[in-house]
C-alpha atoms as a PDB file:
ATOM      1  CA  MET A   1     233.726 129.014   9.247  1.00  0.00           C
ATOM      2  CA  GLY A   2     232.438 128.290  12.866  1.00  0.00           C
ATOM      3  CA  LEU A   3     235.479 125.783  13.102  1.00  0.00           C
ATOM      4  CA  GLY A   4     237.471 128.325  11.684  1.00  0.00           C
ATOM      5  CA  ILE A   5     236.613 130.710  14.702  1.00  0.00           C
ATOM      6  CA  LEU A   6     236.760 128.499  17.549  1.00  0.00           C
ATOM      7  CA  LEU A   7     240.565 127.686  15.939  1.00  0.00           C
ATOM      8  CA  ILE A   8     241.046 131.000  16.428  1.00  0.00           C
ATOM      9  CA  VAL A   9     239.459 131.543  19.488  1.00  0.00           C
ATOM     10  CA  VAL A  10     241.190 128.826  21.560  1.00  0.00           C
ATOM     11  CA  THR A  11     244.170 129.358  20.014  1.00  0.00           C
ATOM     12  CA  PHE A  12     245.053 133.081  19.962  1.00  0.00           C
ATOM     13  CA  THR A  13     242.929 134.164  22.901  1.00  0.00           C
ATOM     14  CA  PRO A  14     243.171 133.472  26.639  1.00  0.00           C
ATOM     15  CA  VAL A  15     239.483 131.772  26.717  1.00  0.00           C
ATOM     16  CA  ASP A  16     240.990 128.233  28.438  1.00  0.00           C
ATOM     17  CA  GLU A  17     242.081 130.692  31.332  1.00  0.00           C
ATOM     18  CA  TRP A  18     239.532 132.820  31.527  1.00  0.00           C
ATOM     19  CA  TRP A  19     236.842 129.687  31.672  1.00  0.00           C
ATOM     20  CA  ALA A  20     239.948 127.791  33.871  1.00  0.00           C
ATOM     21  CA  ARG A  21     239.237 130.765  36.033  1.00  0.00           C
ATOM     22  CA  ARG A  22     235.273 130.751  36.255  1.00  0.00           C
ATOM     23  CA  LEU A  23     235.550 127.217  37.482  1.00  0.00           C
ATOM     24  CA  ALA A  24     238.325 127.439  40.094  1.00  0.00           C
ATOM     25  CA  GLY A  25     237.129 130.405  41.843  1.00  0.00           C
ATOM     26  CA  PRO A  26     239.769 132.640  43.321  1.00  0.00           C
ATOM     27  CA  LEU A  27     243.672 130.709  43.637  1.00  0.00           C
ATOM     28  CA  ASN A  28     244.521 130.660  47.220  1.00  0.00           C
ATOM     29  CA  ASP A  29     246.033 128.977  49.704  1.00  0.00           C
ATOM     30  CA  PRO A  30     243.285 128.785  52.303  1.00  0.00           C
ATOM     31  CA  ARG A  31     245.177 127.216  55.194  1.00  0.00           C
ATOM     32  CA  GLY A  32     243.921 124.222  57.406  1.00  0.00           C
ATOM     33  CA  ASP A  33     243.955 121.322  59.342  1.00  0.00           C
ATOM     34  CA  VAL A  34     242.889 118.765  56.790  1.00  0.00           C
ATOM     35  CA  LEU A  35     244.256 118.762  53.249  1.00  0.00           C
ATOM     36  CA  ILE A  36     241.759 116.559  50.921  1.00  0.00           C
ATOM     37  CA  VAL A  37     243.419 115.901  47.609  1.00  0.00           C
ATOM     38  CA  LEU A  38     241.548 114.149  44.450  1.00  0.00           C
ATOM     39  CA  GLY A  39     243.012 112.006  42.324  1.00  0.00           C
ATOM     40  CA  ALA A  40     242.699 112.442  38.379  1.00  0.00           C
ATOM     41  CA  SER A  41     244.535 109.236  36.271  1.00  0.00           C
ATOM     42  CA  ALA A  42     246.768 106.947  36.583  1.00  0.00           C
ATOM     43  CA  LEU A  43     248.537 104.525  34.000  1.00  0.00           C
ATOM     44  CA  GLU A  44     247.748 101.024  34.204  1.00  0.00           C
ATOM     45  CA  ASP A  45     250.576  99.865  35.829  1.00  0.00           C
ATOM     46  CA  GLY A  46     250.312 102.178  38.684  1.00  0.00           C
ATOM     47  CA  VAL A  47     251.722 105.212  38.130  1.00  0.00           C
ATOM     48  CA  ILE A  48     250.695 108.490  38.309  1.00  0.00           C
ATOM     49  CA  GLY A  49     249.177 110.508  35.424  1.00  0.00           C
ATOM     50  CA  GLU A  50     250.077 114.206  34.832  1.00  0.00           C
ATOM     51  CA  SER A  51     247.262 116.143  36.720  1.00  0.00           C
ATOM     52  CA  THR A  52     247.017 113.754  39.545  1.00  0.00           C
ATOM     53  CA  TYR A  53     250.749 114.147  39.712  1.00  0.00           C
ATOM     54  CA  TRP A  54     251.163 118.134  40.098  1.00  0.00           C
ATOM     55  CA  ARG A  55     247.650 117.622  42.314  1.00  0.00           C
ATOM     56  CA  SER A  56     250.642 115.114  44.263  1.00  0.00           C
ATOM     57  CA  VAL A  57     252.945 118.265  43.737  1.00  0.00           C
ATOM     58  CA  TYR A  58     250.659 120.792  45.602  1.00  0.00           C
ATOM     59  CA  ALA A  59     249.555 118.478  48.096  1.00  0.00           C
ATOM     60  CA  LEU A  60     253.236 118.722  48.790  1.00  0.00           C
ATOM     61  CA  ARG A  61     253.592 121.827  49.407  1.00  0.00           C
ATOM     62  CA  ALA A  62     250.549 122.594  51.335  1.00  0.00           C
ATOM     63  CA  TRP A  63     251.931 119.839  53.669  1.00  0.00           C
ATOM     64  CA  ARG A  64     255.518 121.140  54.274  1.00  0.00           C
ATOM     65  CA  GLY A  65     253.947 125.100  54.755  1.00  0.00           C
ATOM     66  CA  GLY A  66     253.083 123.370  58.147  1.00  0.00           C
ATOM     67  CA  THR A  67     249.365 123.824  59.041  1.00  0.00           C
ATOM     68  CA  PHE A  68     248.035 120.766  57.970  1.00  0.00           C
ATOM     69  CA  HIS A  69     248.161 117.800  60.411  1.00  0.00           C
ATOM     70  CA  ALA A  70     246.271 115.062  58.303  1.00  0.00           C
ATOM     71  CA  ILE A  71     245.997 114.243  54.347  1.00  0.00           C
ATOM     72  CA  VAL A  72     243.352 112.731  52.802  1.00  0.00           C
ATOM     73  CA  LEU A  73     243.447 110.950  49.629  1.00  0.00           C
ATOM     74  CA  SER A  74     240.439 109.560  47.521  1.00  0.00           C
ATOM     75  CA  GLY A  75     240.712 107.933  43.941  1.00  0.00           C
ATOM     76  CA  GLY A  76     239.970 104.237  42.966  1.00  0.00           C
ATOM     77  CA  GLY A  77     241.513 102.964  39.339  1.00  0.00           C
ATOM     78  CA  PRO A  78     242.484  99.968  38.031  1.00  0.00           C
ATOM     79  CA  ALA A  79     241.870  96.324  39.893  1.00  0.00           C
ATOM     80  CA  LYS A  80     245.947  96.003  40.703  1.00  0.00           C
ATOM     81  CA  SER A  81     246.649  99.758  41.947  1.00  0.00           C
ATOM     82  CA  SER A  82     244.728 102.669  42.715  1.00  0.00           C
ATOM     83  CA  VAL A  83     245.127 106.385  42.150  1.00  0.00           C
ATOM     84  CA  ALA A  84     245.000 107.463  45.698  1.00  0.00           C
ATOM     85  CA  GLU A  85     248.179 104.762  46.792  1.00  0.00           C
ATOM     86  CA  ALA A  86     250.010 105.552  43.809  1.00  0.00           C
ATOM     87  CA  MET A  87     249.769 109.810  45.493  1.00  0.00           C
ATOM     88  CA  LEU A  88     250.629 108.084  48.760  1.00  0.00           C
ATOM     89  CA  ALA A  89     253.530 106.104  47.574  1.00  0.00           C
ATOM     90  CA  PHE A  90     254.781 109.769  46.128  1.00  0.00           C
ATOM     91  CA  LEU A  91     253.968 111.575  48.856  1.00  0.00           C
ATOM     92  CA  VAL A  92     255.733 109.287  51.172  1.00  0.00           C
ATOM     93  CA  SER A  93     258.712 108.777  49.245  1.00  0.00           C
ATOM     94  CA  GLN A  94     259.057 113.337  49.511  1.00  0.00           C
ATOM     95  CA  GLY A  95     258.949 112.427  53.380  1.00  0.00           C
ATOM     96  CA  VAL A  96     255.419 113.087  54.334  1.00  0.00           C
ATOM     97  CA  PRO A  97     254.556 110.856  57.388  1.00  0.00           C
ATOM     98  CA  ARG A  98     252.846 107.672  56.461  1.00  0.00           C
ATOM     99  CA  GLU A  99     250.312 108.254  59.367  1.00  0.00           C
ATOM    100  CA  ALA A 100     249.631 111.271  58.353  1.00  0.00           C
ATOM    101  CA  ILE A 101     248.347 109.944  55.375  1.00  0.00           C
ATOM    102  CA  TRP A 102     244.444 108.705  55.158  1.00  0.00           C
ATOM    103  CA  VAL A 103     243.815 106.334  51.570  1.00  0.00           C
ATOM    104  CA  GLU A 104     240.132 106.226  49.773  1.00  0.00           C
ATOM    105  CA  SER A 105     240.473 103.998  47.211  1.00  0.00           C
ATOM    106  CA  GLN A 106     236.776 102.829  46.461  1.00  0.00           C
ATOM    107  CA  SER A 107     235.447 105.878  44.294  1.00  0.00           C
ATOM    108  CA  ARG A 108     235.356 106.183  40.824  1.00  0.00           C
ATOM    109  CA  SER A 109     233.913 110.015  40.321  1.00  0.00           C
ATOM    110  CA  THR A 110     234.072 112.946  42.112  1.00  0.00           C
ATOM    111  CA  ARG A 111     230.914 112.731  43.507  1.00  0.00           C
ATOM    112  CA  GLU A 112     231.738 109.044  45.003  1.00  0.00           C
ATOM    113  CA  ASN A 113     235.293 110.744  46.037  1.00  0.00           C
ATOM    114  CA  ALA A 114     232.523 113.032  48.473  1.00  0.00           C
ATOM    115  CA  LEU A 115     231.026 110.072  49.457  1.00  0.00           C
ATOM    116  CA  PHE A 116     233.640 107.464  50.355  1.00  0.00           C
ATOM    117  CA  ALA A 117     235.796 110.061  52.264  1.00  0.00           C
ATOM    118  CA  GLN A 118     233.100 111.572  53.974  1.00  0.00           C
ATOM    119  CA  PRO A 119     233.468 108.775  56.871  1.00  0.00           C
ATOM    120  CA  ILE A 120     237.175 109.019  57.697  1.00  0.00           C
ATOM    121  CA  LEU A 121     236.891 113.025  57.538  1.00  0.00           C
ATOM    122  CA  ASP A 122     234.330 112.487  59.930  1.00  0.00           C
ATOM    123  CA  THR A 123     237.112 111.294  62.131  1.00  0.00           C
ATOM    124  CA  LEU A 124     239.784 113.822  61.860  1.00  0.00           C
ATOM    125  CA  ALA A 125     238.931 117.095  63.857  1.00  0.00           C
ATOM    126  CA  GLY A 126     239.590 120.595  62.121  1.00  0.00           C
ATOM    127  CA  SER A 127     239.121 122.614  59.269  1.00  0.00           C
ATOM    128  CA  LYS A 128     238.929 120.826  55.847  1.00  0.00           C
ATOM    129  CA  VAL A 129     240.938 122.114  52.772  1.00  0.00           C
ATOM    130  CA  LEU A 130     239.826 120.315  49.327  1.00  0.00           C
ATOM    131  CA  LEU A 131     242.278 120.800  46.596  1.00  0.00           C
ATOM    132  CA  THR A 132     242.328 119.387  43.227  1.00  0.00           C
ATOM    133  CA  SER A 133     242.705 121.041  39.584  1.00  0.00           C
ATOM    134  CA  ASP A 134     241.261 124.402  38.779  1.00  0.00           C
ATOM    135  CA  TYR A 135     238.791 123.104  36.231  1.00  0.00           C
ATOM    136  CA  HIS A 136     237.941 120.682  38.357  1.00  0.00           C
ATOM    137  CA  MET A 137     237.376 122.913  41.821  1.00  0.00           C
ATOM    138  CA  PHE A 138     233.518 123.508  41.199  1.00  0.00           C
ATOM    139  CA  ARG A 139     232.057 120.528  40.678  1.00  0.00           C
ATOM    140  CA  ALA A 140     234.651 118.734  43.515  1.00  0.00           C
ATOM    141  CA  TYR A 141     233.224 121.771  45.787  1.00  0.00           C
ATOM    142  CA  HIS A 142     229.408 121.437  45.114  1.00  0.00           C
ATOM    143  CA  ALA A 143     229.635 117.454  45.747  1.00  0.00           C
ATOM    144  CA  PHE A 144     231.278 117.989  48.922  1.00  0.00           C
ATOM    145  CA  GLN A 145     229.424 120.355  50.312  1.00  0.00           C
ATOM    146  CA  LYS A 146     226.194 118.528  48.900  1.00  0.00           C
ATOM    147  CA  ALA A 147     227.828 115.337  50.820  1.00  0.00           C
ATOM    148  CA  GLY A 148     227.729 117.047  54.428  1.00  0.00           C
ATOM    149  CA  VAL A 149     231.212 117.740  54.500  1.00  0.00           C
ATOM    150  CA  ARG A 150     232.154 121.343  54.956  1.00  0.00           C
ATOM    151  CA  VAL A 151     235.830 122.163  52.694  1.00  0.00           C
ATOM    152  CA  LEU A 152     237.740 125.151  51.771  1.00  0.00           C
ATOM    153  CA  PRO A 153     238.896 124.985  48.323  1.00  0.00           C
ATOM    154  CA  ARG A 154     242.163 125.303  46.987  1.00  0.00           C
ATOM    155  CA  PRO A 155     242.832 124.473  43.243  1.00  0.00           C
ATOM    156  CA  VAL A 156     246.088 124.565  41.719  1.00  0.00           C
ATOM    157  CA  PRO A 157     246.454 125.503  38.130  1.00  0.00           C
ATOM    158  CA  ASP A 158     246.170 122.687  36.207  1.00  0.00           C
ATOM    159  CA  VAL A 159     244.024 123.899  32.565  1.00  0.00           C
ATOM    160  CA  GLU A 160     245.611 127.901  33.718  1.00  0.00           C
ATOM    161  CA  LYS A 161     249.194 126.284  32.825  1.00  0.00           C
ATOM    162  CA  ARG A 162     248.335 124.647  29.876  1.00  0.00           C
ATOM    163  CA  ALA A 163     247.201 127.155  28.542  1.00  0.00           C
ATOM    164  CA  GLY A 164     250.137 129.082  28.194  1.00  0.00           C
ATOM    165  CA  HIS A 165     251.333 126.727  25.912  1.00  0.00           C
ATOM    166  CA  LEU A 166     250.236 127.179  22.312  1.00  0.00           C
ATOM    167  CA  LEU A 167     250.463 123.175  21.916  1.00  0.00           C
ATOM    168  CA  LEU A 168     248.353 121.981  25.108  1.00  0.00           C
ATOM    169  CA  ARG A 169     245.791 124.976  24.558  1.00  0.00           C
ATOM    170  CA  TRP A 170     243.406 122.198  22.652  1.00  0.00           C
ATOM    171  CA  ASP A 171     243.779 120.006  25.114  1.00  0.00           C
ATOM    172  CA  ALA A 172     243.280 122.140  28.050  1.00  0.00           C
ATOM    173  CA  PHE A 173     239.878 123.030  26.011  1.00  0.00           C
ATOM    174  CA  LEU A 174     238.456 119.942  25.731  1.00  0.00           C
ATOM    175  CA  ASP A 175     239.143 119.122  29.036  1.00  0.00           C
ATOM    176  CA  LEU A 176     237.162 122.153  30.275  1.00  0.00           C
ATOM    177  CA  GLY A 177     234.459 121.278  27.357  1.00  0.00           C
ATOM    178  CA  MET A 178     234.249 118.011  29.331  1.00  0.00           C
ATOM    179  CA  GLU A 179     234.481 119.391  32.390  1.00  0.00           C
ATOM    180  CA  THR A 180     231.437 121.744  32.085  1.00  0.00           C
ATOM    181  CA  THR A 181     229.760 118.774  30.722  1.00  0.00           C
ATOM    182  CA  LYS A 182     229.992 116.601  34.191  1.00  0.00           C
ATOM    183  CA  ILE A 183     228.493 120.179  36.075  1.00  0.00           C
ATOM    184  CA  GLY A 184     225.494 119.807  33.803  1.00  0.00           C
ATOM    185  CA  TYR A 185     225.200 115.898  34.286  1.00  0.00           C
ATOM    186  CA  TYR A 186     225.826 116.335  38.168  1.00  0.00           C
ATOM    187  CA  TYR A 187     223.693 119.399  38.210  1.00  0.00           C
ATOM    188  CA  PHE A 188     220.805 117.450  36.921  1.00  0.00           C
ATOM    189  CA  ARG A 189     221.248 114.092  38.990  1.00  0.00           C
ATOM    190  CA  GLY A 190     220.780 116.168  41.654  1.00  0.00           C
ATOM    191  CA  TRP A 191     224.521 115.661  42.652  1.00  0.00           C
ATOM    192  CA  ILE A 192     225.662 119.395  43.193  1.00  0.00           C
END
């Protein structure tokens, strides 16, 4: 009976959108000087995954908005290529100058994104804006705060978009459940 109720709730209600909005905070576009973009996934051949693609697209749009003078890409990956390097290739192919982009390619977690990007961010003047998926923003924002990096959140609608499609709602629901578990783990470890 519980599974039936869960099936109905996830499939026919806006629970995914509500949950993602709670984790994202306000969907806004703060202006800043340095844009920090967190990678999500990459395929083994160095091609960016879906969430990383959308984060990169929104980073490109933010760059074209004209207020940022630098972009810091953060994310490790398979031995051959990192998520950050795949995002770099995408952004450069779309006209972002290579000299405006810094790459942190060793991190394997959100906590490491914050810790490993901090030395780069310390060398860049101005306000920092953190761009990541809506469902990931809560944990990422707090991990950066805990690492001593003040950021303004700029969530992109990832789960919120998927929740609008009936066939993608369960995938979004599972991502939200996994992210909530990770938030609990980070909280327990004192990382947020």
